[in-house]
Protein backbone atom coordinates (compact mmCIF):
# COMPACT_ATOMS: atom_id res chain seq x y z
CA MET A 1 -105.45 138.49 46.60
CA PRO A 2 -103.41 136.00 44.19
CA LYS A 3 -100.82 133.83 45.64
CA LYS A 4 -97.33 134.94 45.33
CA ARG A 5 -95.61 132.51 42.49
CA LYS A 6 -93.05 130.38 44.21
CA TYR A 7 -89.79 130.09 42.13
CA ILE A 8 -86.21 128.86 42.47
CA SER A 9 -83.56 131.49 41.81
CA GLN A 10 -80.59 130.81 40.02
CA LYS A 11 -78.10 130.70 42.66
CA ASN A 12 -80.49 128.49 44.66
CA ASP A 13 -80.63 126.06 41.83
CA HIS A 14 -76.82 126.08 41.42
CA LYS A 15 -77.28 125.53 45.33
CA LEU A 16 -79.49 122.55 45.14
CA GLN A 17 -77.13 120.97 42.37
CA GLU A 18 -74.12 120.60 44.87
CA ILE A 19 -76.19 119.38 47.51
CA GLY A 20 -77.76 116.90 44.77
CA ARG A 21 -74.00 115.77 43.71
CA LEU A 22 -73.42 115.67 47.86
CA ILE A 23 -76.38 112.99 48.07
CA LEU A 24 -75.41 111.02 45.19
CA ARG A 25 -71.91 110.72 46.55
CA PHE A 26 -72.88 109.62 49.73
CA MET A 27 -75.79 107.34 48.34
CA ASN A 28 -73.40 105.70 46.02
CA GLU A 29 -71.11 104.79 48.77
CA ASN A 30 -73.73 102.02 49.65
CA SER A 31 -75.87 101.79 46.52
CA THR A 32 -78.10 98.90 47.69
CA LYS A 33 -78.75 100.73 51.01
CA ILE A 34 -81.91 102.34 51.49
CA TYR A 35 -81.89 106.09 53.29
CA ASN A 36 -84.37 108.13 54.62
CA TYR A 37 -83.91 111.95 54.50
CA LYS A 38 -82.53 112.62 57.94
CA GLN A 39 -80.08 109.63 57.28
CA ILE A 40 -79.07 111.63 54.02
CA ALA A 41 -78.76 114.94 55.65
CA ASP A 42 -76.43 113.71 58.33
CA GLY A 43 -74.62 111.98 56.04
CA ILE A 44 -73.66 115.06 54.08
CA ASP A 45 -73.22 117.10 57.37
CA TYR A 46 -76.67 119.29 56.83
CA LYS A 47 -78.15 119.33 60.21
CA ASN A 48 -79.79 122.85 60.71
CA PRO A 49 -83.78 123.35 59.58
CA ARG A 50 -82.73 125.35 56.86
CA GLN A 51 -80.06 122.89 55.49
CA ARG A 52 -82.48 120.21 55.83
CA GLU A 53 -85.26 122.01 53.92
CA LEU A 54 -82.84 122.25 51.03
CA VAL A 55 -81.86 118.77 51.19
CA ILE A 56 -85.56 117.73 51.02
CA GLN A 57 -85.61 120.04 47.77
CA ALA A 58 -82.54 118.48 46.33
CA LEU A 59 -84.16 114.82 47.05
CA HIS A 60 -87.16 116.03 44.84
CA LYS A 61 -85.00 117.35 41.94
CA LEU A 62 -83.33 113.88 42.24
CA GLN A 63 -86.57 111.95 42.12
CA ALA A 64 -87.70 113.97 39.27
CA SER A 65 -84.54 113.22 37.23
CA GLU A 66 -84.93 109.61 38.13
CA ARG A 67 -81.16 109.49 39.38
CA ILE A 68 -83.05 108.23 42.75
CA LYS A 69 -86.16 106.58 43.54
CA GLU A 70 -88.47 106.57 46.52
CA THR A 71 -88.98 103.06 47.94
CA GLU A 72 -91.89 104.41 50.62
CA LYS A 73 -92.94 107.30 51.83
CA GLY A 74 -89.74 109.49 53.02
CA LYS A 75 -86.79 106.35 51.90
CA TYR A 76 -84.91 106.86 49.17
CA ILE A 77 -82.14 104.22 46.96
CA ILE A 78 -80.04 104.85 44.14
CA ASN A 79 -81.97 104.07 40.79
CA LEU A 80 -79.26 101.50 39.31
CA ASN A 81 -82.48 100.01 37.15
CA ILE A 82 -83.35 102.90 34.80
CA LYS A 83 -80.47 105.51 35.70
CA GLY A 84 -77.28 104.49 38.00
CA THR A 85 -74.45 106.35 39.28
CA LEU A 86 -71.31 105.18 39.38
CA THR A 87 -67.93 105.68 40.53
CA GLY A 88 -64.46 105.20 38.51
CA ILE A 89 -62.10 106.33 36.85
CA ILE A 90 -61.74 108.41 33.66
CA ASP A 91 -59.59 106.86 30.99
CA PHE A 92 -59.48 109.72 27.24
CA ASN A 93 -58.44 108.79 23.76
CA GLN A 94 -57.17 111.38 21.43
CA SER A 95 -60.71 111.88 19.91
CA GLY A 96 -61.91 113.55 23.01
CA ASN A 97 -64.30 110.43 23.97
CA ALA A 98 -63.69 108.80 27.11
CA TYR A 99 -64.52 105.14 28.98
CA VAL A 100 -64.83 105.03 32.56
CA ASN A 101 -63.03 102.39 34.04
CA VAL A 102 -65.90 101.14 37.04
CA GLU A 103 -64.65 98.30 39.75
CA GLY A 104 -66.59 95.15 39.61
CA LEU A 105 -68.20 95.98 35.64
CA ASP A 106 -66.85 93.76 32.85
CA ASP A 107 -67.30 96.39 30.52
CA ASP A 108 -65.73 100.23 30.69
CA ILE A 109 -68.41 103.05 30.25
CA PHE A 110 -68.39 104.96 26.98
CA ILE A 111 -68.91 108.92 27.86
CA HIS A 112 -68.89 111.08 24.64
CA SER A 113 -66.82 114.23 24.79
CA LYS A 114 -69.60 116.39 25.28
CA ASN A 115 -70.61 114.43 28.49
CA VAL A 116 -67.28 114.62 29.96
CA LYS A 117 -67.74 117.80 31.79
CA ASP A 118 -64.28 119.33 33.54
CA ALA A 119 -63.00 115.76 33.56
CA LEU A 120 -59.42 115.21 32.99
CA GLN A 121 -57.21 111.86 32.08
CA GLY A 122 -57.26 109.67 35.10
CA ASP A 123 -59.55 111.52 37.65
CA LYS A 124 -61.71 109.66 40.21
CA VAL A 125 -65.42 110.62 38.46
CA LEU A 126 -69.12 110.42 39.67
CA ILE A 127 -71.46 109.34 36.36
CA VAL A 128 -74.85 108.85 35.97
CA THR A 129 -75.46 106.36 33.50
CA TYR A 130 -78.15 105.08 30.35
CA THR A 131 -78.66 103.51 27.50
CA TYR A 132 -78.89 105.14 24.33
CA LYS A 133 -81.27 103.42 21.43
CA GLY A 134 -80.84 99.97 22.94
CA LYS A 135 -76.89 99.88 22.54
CA LYS A 136 -74.34 99.74 25.07
CA LEU A 137 -74.39 101.55 28.77
CA GLU A 138 -73.04 105.09 28.26
CA GLY A 139 -72.93 107.82 31.03
CA SER A 140 -72.37 111.31 31.98
CA VAL A 141 -69.88 112.90 34.15
CA LEU A 142 -71.68 114.53 37.06
CA GLU A 143 -68.73 115.51 38.95
CA VAL A 144 -64.93 114.91 39.91
CA LEU A 145 -64.54 113.42 43.01
CA GLU A 146 -60.89 113.33 43.14
CA ARG A 147 -58.50 114.93 40.84
CA THR A 148 -55.47 112.51 39.85
CA ARG A 149 -52.90 115.66 38.96
CA THR A 150 -52.83 119.52 39.03
CA GLU A 151 -49.84 119.69 37.33
CA PHE A 152 -49.11 119.41 33.17
CA VAL A 153 -46.36 119.88 30.71
CA GLY A 154 -47.23 121.68 27.68
CA THR A 155 -46.09 124.72 25.48
CA LEU A 156 -47.03 128.74 26.22
CA GLN A 157 -49.14 130.24 23.72
CA VAL A 158 -49.44 133.82 24.36
CA VAL A 159 -52.47 135.69 22.38
CA PRO A 160 -51.07 138.48 20.28
CA HIS A 161 -51.95 141.88 21.84
CA LYS A 162 -53.13 140.28 24.66
CA ASP A 163 -52.22 139.87 28.13
CA PHE A 164 -53.19 136.26 28.64
CA GLY A 165 -52.64 132.87 27.16
CA PHE A 166 -52.89 129.11 27.11
CA VAL A 167 -50.78 126.09 27.84
CA VAL A 168 -51.42 123.15 24.94
CA CYS A 169 -50.48 120.00 27.09
CA ASP A 170 -48.43 117.95 25.36
CA LYS A 171 -50.48 115.17 26.46
CA LYS A 172 -52.95 114.22 23.62
CA THR A 173 -55.50 112.45 26.22
CA ILE A 174 -55.71 116.48 28.05
CA ASN A 175 -58.48 117.77 25.94
CA THR A 176 -58.37 121.30 27.05
CA ASP A 177 -55.81 124.03 27.00
CA ILE A 178 -55.14 125.84 30.37
CA PHE A 179 -55.97 129.59 30.52
CA ILE A 180 -53.33 131.52 31.77
CA PRO A 181 -53.98 134.99 32.98
CA LYS A 182 -52.11 138.25 33.29
CA GLY A 183 -49.18 137.73 36.05
CA LYS A 184 -49.50 134.06 35.73
CA PHE A 185 -46.91 133.38 33.50
CA GLY A 186 -43.82 132.84 35.70
CA GLY A 187 -41.20 134.40 33.35
CA ALA A 188 -42.40 132.54 30.40
CA GLU A 189 -42.12 133.81 27.14
CA ASP A 190 -44.65 132.63 24.08
CA GLY A 191 -43.16 129.25 22.56
CA ASP A 192 -41.68 127.87 26.03
CA LYS A 193 -42.34 124.64 26.84
CA VAL A 194 -43.12 124.90 30.53
CA ILE A 195 -45.07 123.21 33.63
CA VAL A 196 -48.49 124.36 34.57
CA LYS A 197 -50.56 124.29 37.56
CA MET A 198 -54.28 124.18 37.17
CA THR A 199 -55.72 126.24 39.97
CA GLU A 200 -59.48 126.14 39.25
CA TRP A 201 -62.34 125.23 37.03
CA LYS A 202 -65.43 127.80 37.26
CA PRO A 203 -68.55 126.05 36.50
CA GLY A 204 -69.42 127.05 33.26
CA ASP A 205 -65.78 127.96 31.97
CA LYS A 206 -64.77 126.41 29.11
CA ASN A 207 -60.93 126.15 30.03
CA PRO A 208 -59.36 125.44 33.35
CA GLU A 209 -56.96 128.72 34.91
CA GLY A 210 -53.99 127.89 35.93
CA GLU A 211 -50.00 129.22 36.26
CA ILE A 212 -46.78 128.69 35.22
CA ILE A 213 -44.33 127.36 37.89
CA GLN A 214 -41.38 126.19 35.95
CA VAL A 215 -39.96 127.08 32.43
CA LEU A 216 -38.24 124.44 30.90
CA GLY A 217 -36.93 125.73 27.94
CA ALA A 218 -37.17 125.77 24.04
CA PRO A 219 -38.93 122.92 22.78
CA GLY A 220 -36.56 120.60 20.65
CA GLU A 221 -33.80 121.13 22.85
CA HIS A 222 -32.08 117.95 24.43
CA GLU A 223 -32.01 119.04 28.27
CA THR A 224 -35.90 120.54 27.43
CA GLU A 225 -37.70 117.41 26.58
CA ILE A 226 -35.79 115.25 29.15
CA HIS A 227 -36.88 117.38 32.30
CA SER A 228 -40.44 117.27 30.25
CA ILE A 229 -40.50 113.58 30.40
CA LEU A 230 -39.36 113.73 33.87
CA ALA A 231 -41.80 116.02 34.61
CA GLU A 232 -44.79 114.52 32.60
CA TYR A 233 -44.75 111.05 34.43
CA GLY A 234 -43.91 112.64 37.98
CA LEU A 235 -40.76 111.73 38.31
CA PRO A 236 -38.56 113.76 40.62
CA TYR A 237 -34.89 114.57 39.49
CA GLU A 238 -33.86 116.21 42.55
CA PHE A 239 -33.93 115.63 46.13
CA PRO A 240 -35.49 117.70 48.87
CA GLU A 241 -33.06 119.62 50.91
CA GLU A 242 -33.74 117.99 53.97
CA VAL A 243 -33.47 114.44 52.39
CA GLU A 244 -30.05 115.37 51.21
CA ARG A 245 -29.18 116.46 54.67
CA ASP A 246 -30.35 113.00 56.20
CA ALA A 247 -28.50 111.38 53.63
CA ASP A 248 -25.01 113.19 54.16
CA LYS A 249 -25.12 112.53 57.65
CA ILE A 250 -25.13 108.82 57.62
CA ASP A 251 -22.16 106.93 59.03
CA ARG A 252 -20.24 105.46 55.91
CA SER A 253 -17.28 103.86 58.51
CA ILE A 254 -16.80 100.26 58.07
CA ASN A 255 -16.77 100.12 61.79
CA ASP A 256 -15.22 97.00 64.11
CA ALA A 257 -18.47 96.56 66.01
CA GLU A 258 -20.76 96.39 63.12
CA VAL A 259 -18.35 93.91 61.28
CA ALA A 260 -18.45 91.51 64.16
CA LYS A 261 -22.44 90.83 63.76
CA ARG A 262 -21.57 89.83 60.04
CA TRP A 263 -19.76 87.05 58.10
CA ASP A 264 -16.40 88.67 57.12
CA MET A 265 -16.08 87.34 53.51
CA ARG A 266 -13.37 90.32 52.62
CA GLY A 267 -10.55 87.96 51.87
CA ILE A 268 -12.96 85.46 49.34
CA THR A 269 -12.58 86.59 45.34
CA THR A 270 -15.28 89.08 44.77
CA PHE A 271 -15.68 90.97 41.93
CA THR A 272 -18.87 92.73 39.84
CA ILE A 273 -20.25 92.62 36.27
CA ASP A 274 -22.02 95.56 34.74
CA PRO A 275 -22.46 97.50 31.79
CA LYS A 276 -19.69 99.70 30.54
CA ASP A 277 -21.63 103.10 31.28
CA ALA A 278 -23.04 101.99 34.72
CA LYS A 279 -22.51 104.58 37.17
CA ASP A 280 -23.39 102.22 40.53
CA PHE A 281 -22.75 98.85 40.87
CA ASP A 282 -25.54 96.92 42.80
CA ASP A 283 -24.72 93.37 42.94
CA ALA A 284 -21.37 91.09 43.20
CA LEU A 285 -20.36 87.98 43.14
CA SER A 286 -17.65 85.54 45.32
CA ILE A 287 -16.50 82.49 44.61
CA ARG A 288 -14.05 80.28 46.38
CA LYS A 289 -13.40 76.14 46.28
CA LEU A 290 -13.76 74.38 49.09
CA GLU A 291 -11.68 71.56 50.75
CA ASN A 292 -14.78 69.11 49.82
CA GLY A 293 -14.33 69.95 46.12
CA ASN A 294 -17.66 71.92 45.94
CA TRP A 295 -17.90 75.62 45.09
CA GLU A 296 -19.18 78.47 47.18
CA ILE A 297 -20.85 80.90 45.46
CA GLY A 298 -22.00 84.35 46.85
CA VAL A 299 -24.65 86.65 45.28
CA HIS A 300 -24.16 89.60 47.01
CA ILE A 301 -26.48 93.01 47.08
CA ALA A 302 -25.79 96.38 49.06
CA ASP A 303 -27.01 96.50 53.01
CA VAL A 304 -29.66 99.49 51.98
CA SER A 305 -31.29 98.61 55.28
CA HIS A 306 -28.35 99.20 57.32
CA TYR A 307 -28.53 102.76 56.16
CA VAL A 308 -31.90 103.47 55.53
CA VAL A 309 -33.98 103.06 58.47
CA PRO A 310 -37.81 102.88 58.47
CA GLY A 311 -39.69 105.60 59.61
CA THR A 312 -36.88 108.45 58.60
CA ILE A 313 -37.55 110.75 55.95
CA LEU A 314 -34.99 109.02 54.04
CA ASP A 315 -36.78 105.92 53.92
CA ASP A 316 -40.31 108.13 52.93
CA GLU A 317 -38.80 109.46 49.86
CA ALA A 318 -37.48 105.96 48.68
CA TYR A 319 -40.97 104.63 49.35
CA GLN A 320 -42.39 107.38 47.20
CA ARG A 321 -40.21 106.93 44.58
CA ALA A 322 -40.28 103.11 44.87
CA THR A 323 -37.51 102.42 42.13
CA SER A 324 -34.56 104.30 40.65
CA VAL A 325 -35.51 105.02 36.58
CA TYR A 326 -33.26 104.66 33.86
CA LEU A 327 -33.17 106.98 30.87
CA VAL A 328 -31.08 106.90 28.17
CA ASP A 329 -28.31 109.40 29.33
CA ARG A 330 -29.37 109.50 32.97
CA VAL A 331 -30.80 107.77 36.14
CA VAL A 332 -33.33 109.21 38.58
CA PRO A 333 -32.23 107.23 41.72
CA MET A 334 -34.12 105.88 44.63
CA LEU A 335 -31.99 107.54 47.02
CA PRO A 336 -29.54 110.02 47.33
CA GLU A 337 -26.45 110.05 45.28
CA VAL A 338 -24.25 109.56 48.37
CA LEU A 339 -26.11 106.47 48.83
CA SER A 340 -26.78 105.10 45.13
CA ASN A 341 -23.10 106.26 44.17
CA ASP A 342 -20.92 105.56 46.81
CA VAL A 343 -22.22 104.12 50.03
CA CYS A 344 -24.23 101.66 48.49
CA SER A 345 -22.60 100.61 45.62
CA LEU A 346 -20.10 97.90 45.53
CA ARG A 347 -17.26 99.55 43.98
CA PRO A 348 -13.69 97.94 43.50
CA ASN A 349 -11.14 97.95 46.40
CA GLU A 350 -13.47 99.11 48.73
CA ASP A 351 -14.92 97.34 51.94
CA LYS A 352 -18.84 97.34 51.72
CA PHE A 353 -21.82 96.10 54.34
CA THR A 354 -23.83 93.54 52.06
CA PHE A 355 -26.74 91.03 52.25
CA SER A 356 -25.90 87.96 50.33
CA ALA A 357 -26.97 84.62 49.65
CA VAL A 358 -24.27 82.31 49.58
CA PHE A 359 -24.52 78.66 48.14
CA GLU A 360 -22.51 75.45 48.08
CA LEU A 361 -22.61 73.74 44.73
CA ASN A 362 -21.07 70.65 43.36
CA ASP A 363 -19.68 70.43 39.78
CA ASN A 364 -22.98 69.67 38.42
CA ALA A 365 -24.40 72.96 39.83
CA GLU A 366 -26.49 71.19 42.41
CA ILE A 367 -27.17 73.10 45.77
CA LYS A 368 -25.85 71.26 48.89
CA LYS A 369 -25.85 73.94 51.58
CA GLN A 370 -27.44 77.88 51.33
CA TRP A 371 -27.37 80.64 53.88
CA PHE A 372 -28.91 83.92 53.68
CA GLY A 373 -27.69 86.76 56.14
CA ARG A 374 -25.47 90.26 56.31
CA THR A 375 -21.68 90.20 55.15
CA VAL A 376 -18.92 92.58 54.62
CA ILE A 377 -17.35 92.05 51.24
CA HIS A 378 -14.45 93.59 49.38
CA SER A 379 -14.68 93.78 45.33
CA ASP A 380 -11.52 92.97 43.67
CA ARG A 381 -12.23 93.95 40.42
CA ARG A 382 -14.64 95.69 38.11
CA PHE A 383 -15.33 93.65 34.96
CA THR A 384 -17.85 95.03 32.00
CA TYR A 385 -19.84 92.31 30.34
CA GLU A 386 -17.29 92.85 27.32
CA GLU A 387 -14.58 92.18 29.80
CA ALA A 388 -16.09 89.20 30.94
CA GLN A 389 -17.03 87.52 27.72
CA GLU A 390 -13.27 87.87 26.65
CA ARG A 391 -12.42 85.81 29.69
CA ILE A 392 -14.94 83.39 28.53
CA GLU A 393 -14.29 83.17 25.06
CA THR A 394 -10.39 83.51 25.04
CA LYS A 395 -9.69 81.90 28.37
CA GLN A 396 -7.27 84.48 28.97
CA GLY A 397 -7.11 87.47 31.60
CA ASP A 398 -7.08 88.05 35.40
CA LEU A 399 -9.61 86.07 37.09
CA GLN A 400 -10.97 84.05 33.77
CA GLU A 401 -10.54 80.54 35.82
CA GLU A 402 -13.49 82.20 38.77
CA ILE A 403 -15.40 83.55 35.84
CA ASN A 404 -15.47 80.25 33.47
CA VAL A 405 -16.54 78.53 36.58
CA LEU A 406 -19.35 80.51 36.99
CA ASP A 407 -20.27 80.37 33.23
CA ARG A 408 -20.09 76.52 33.32
CA LEU A 409 -22.14 76.60 36.63
CA ALA A 410 -24.71 79.01 35.53
CA LYS A 411 -25.07 77.21 31.86
CA ILE A 412 -26.04 73.90 33.84
CA MET A 413 -28.74 75.69 36.02
CA ARG A 414 -30.19 77.71 32.83
CA ALA A 415 -30.52 74.26 30.90
CA GLU A 416 -32.13 72.68 33.83
CA ARG A 417 -34.60 75.51 34.53
CA ILE A 418 -35.62 75.74 30.62
CA ARG A 419 -36.04 71.55 31.01
CA LYS A 420 -38.82 72.14 33.97
CA GLY A 421 -40.36 74.43 31.76
CA ALA A 422 -39.12 78.09 32.66
CA ILE A 423 -39.73 81.24 30.26
CA THR A 424 -37.13 82.69 28.80
CA PHE A 425 -37.31 86.42 27.98
CA ASP A 426 -34.65 87.02 25.45
CA ARG A 427 -35.41 89.62 22.86
CA SER A 428 -33.66 92.76 21.24
CA GLU A 429 -33.05 96.01 23.25
CA VAL A 430 -32.23 98.86 21.26
CA ARG A 431 -29.32 101.16 22.82
CA PHE A 432 -27.84 104.54 21.80
CA ASN A 433 -24.66 105.95 21.46
CA LEU A 434 -24.15 109.50 23.16
CA ASP A 435 -21.58 112.20 22.22
CA GLU A 436 -20.00 114.32 25.23
CA ASN A 437 -23.49 116.66 25.23
CA ASN A 438 -25.59 112.93 25.65
CA GLU A 439 -27.02 113.76 21.82
CA PRO A 440 -27.64 110.63 20.43
CA ILE A 441 -25.14 109.85 17.69
CA GLY A 442 -26.00 106.32 17.04
CA VAL A 443 -28.02 103.58 17.52
CA TYR A 444 -27.13 99.59 18.07
CA PHE A 445 -28.75 96.19 19.20
CA LYS A 446 -27.73 95.03 22.41
CA ILE A 447 -26.96 91.25 22.12
CA SER A 448 -27.01 89.02 25.53
CA LYS A 449 -24.15 86.91 25.84
CA ASP A 450 -22.70 84.06 28.21
CA SER A 451 -21.47 87.02 30.74
CA ASN A 452 -25.39 88.20 30.65
CA HIS A 453 -26.73 85.21 31.47
CA LEU A 454 -24.04 84.23 33.78
CA ILE A 455 -25.30 87.13 36.33
CA GLU A 456 -28.69 86.79 35.28
CA GLU A 457 -28.93 83.20 36.26
CA PHE A 458 -27.00 83.81 39.49
CA MET A 459 -29.33 86.33 40.49
CA LEU A 460 -32.66 84.17 39.84
């Protein structure tokens, strides 16, 4: 009686490929270590007898493909000599080819477009490497280990006379369109700019599947394109409701108990100098002449730490945002508006809690004393750079004497810094004139003058 022919079903073969990827991922965590099959099985959490049999079969397939090698009977190591497996971040170019940056390697590894599998820009991938015709190291993507992002900006294209469509991503480095099935249009119509969320990418499918989660509007319209930029770079324009509620509960009062803990500088001449279109005022300068003839200069910033306490949802949100982002016509703030434009904005004629650096300088701009700590200030005036520059040039106007003293001291400090080898970053900046709808109607170069350098110098 003939023996039954052994075969591996297609389903079983897919299972072995999956186990093989798990094995490579596990072994790649320590590519110089030798493992026996039991250690490998434990490492991928395959512990019952049937599962371990599959591990053995997968190991044989990996050995046959030279992705691992057997150092002695039953012991295996990642094969870095003939074919290696490495982990890195994939970076596509517009041709569809890619390079994988692997920590510790001097050169990135080239991945041809036909070998990128289902990887997308910025994904963490597992690759197998090889040399092709004696050239530099190349590779193929084995598995996407971690998606960098699953939401993309693009334009919906509905297939005529069909109930499905595709989103063509704005980013040219996203080398695939996203399939949108019936019922997943989210109210979008053909030609709309949208945000799409990728939901799955089945093995063997040419395109990932997704659903539209937000309609941005018609391409080319100002608001549509601005919100496209915000979404593309993950800039959250709105704050979560719970963060806004937390911000609204903040005690904004300048209470006597807190003032008693601070240096009260409200009686000292203080002012801000900012661009004419500034919405918030981050820093202020104070100045007074001391009895010994020296100048006391205070550099003040809002004491955000008084209001944003570590471990709160406000602190967590600010940590995630990291910074405020300034676009041509708007700001994406790090903190809710009640903080960024009100409580922590050093507006004129208001008392504010601040953190300050206070210096005593002589007429040669030499620092004689310095102090850092919490203060309370009262800004007397809000200047634009143009208004401050006018006082420097004409020696006329309110607070011109104080501004000119600061300008003279700043010029001495700047000259000394440059003499000692400081690098200057003066460069031309392009600015836009906007109409009432925030549409650009003109362009000009921003010119840094003495009033700009004055602020820069004291901030330094």
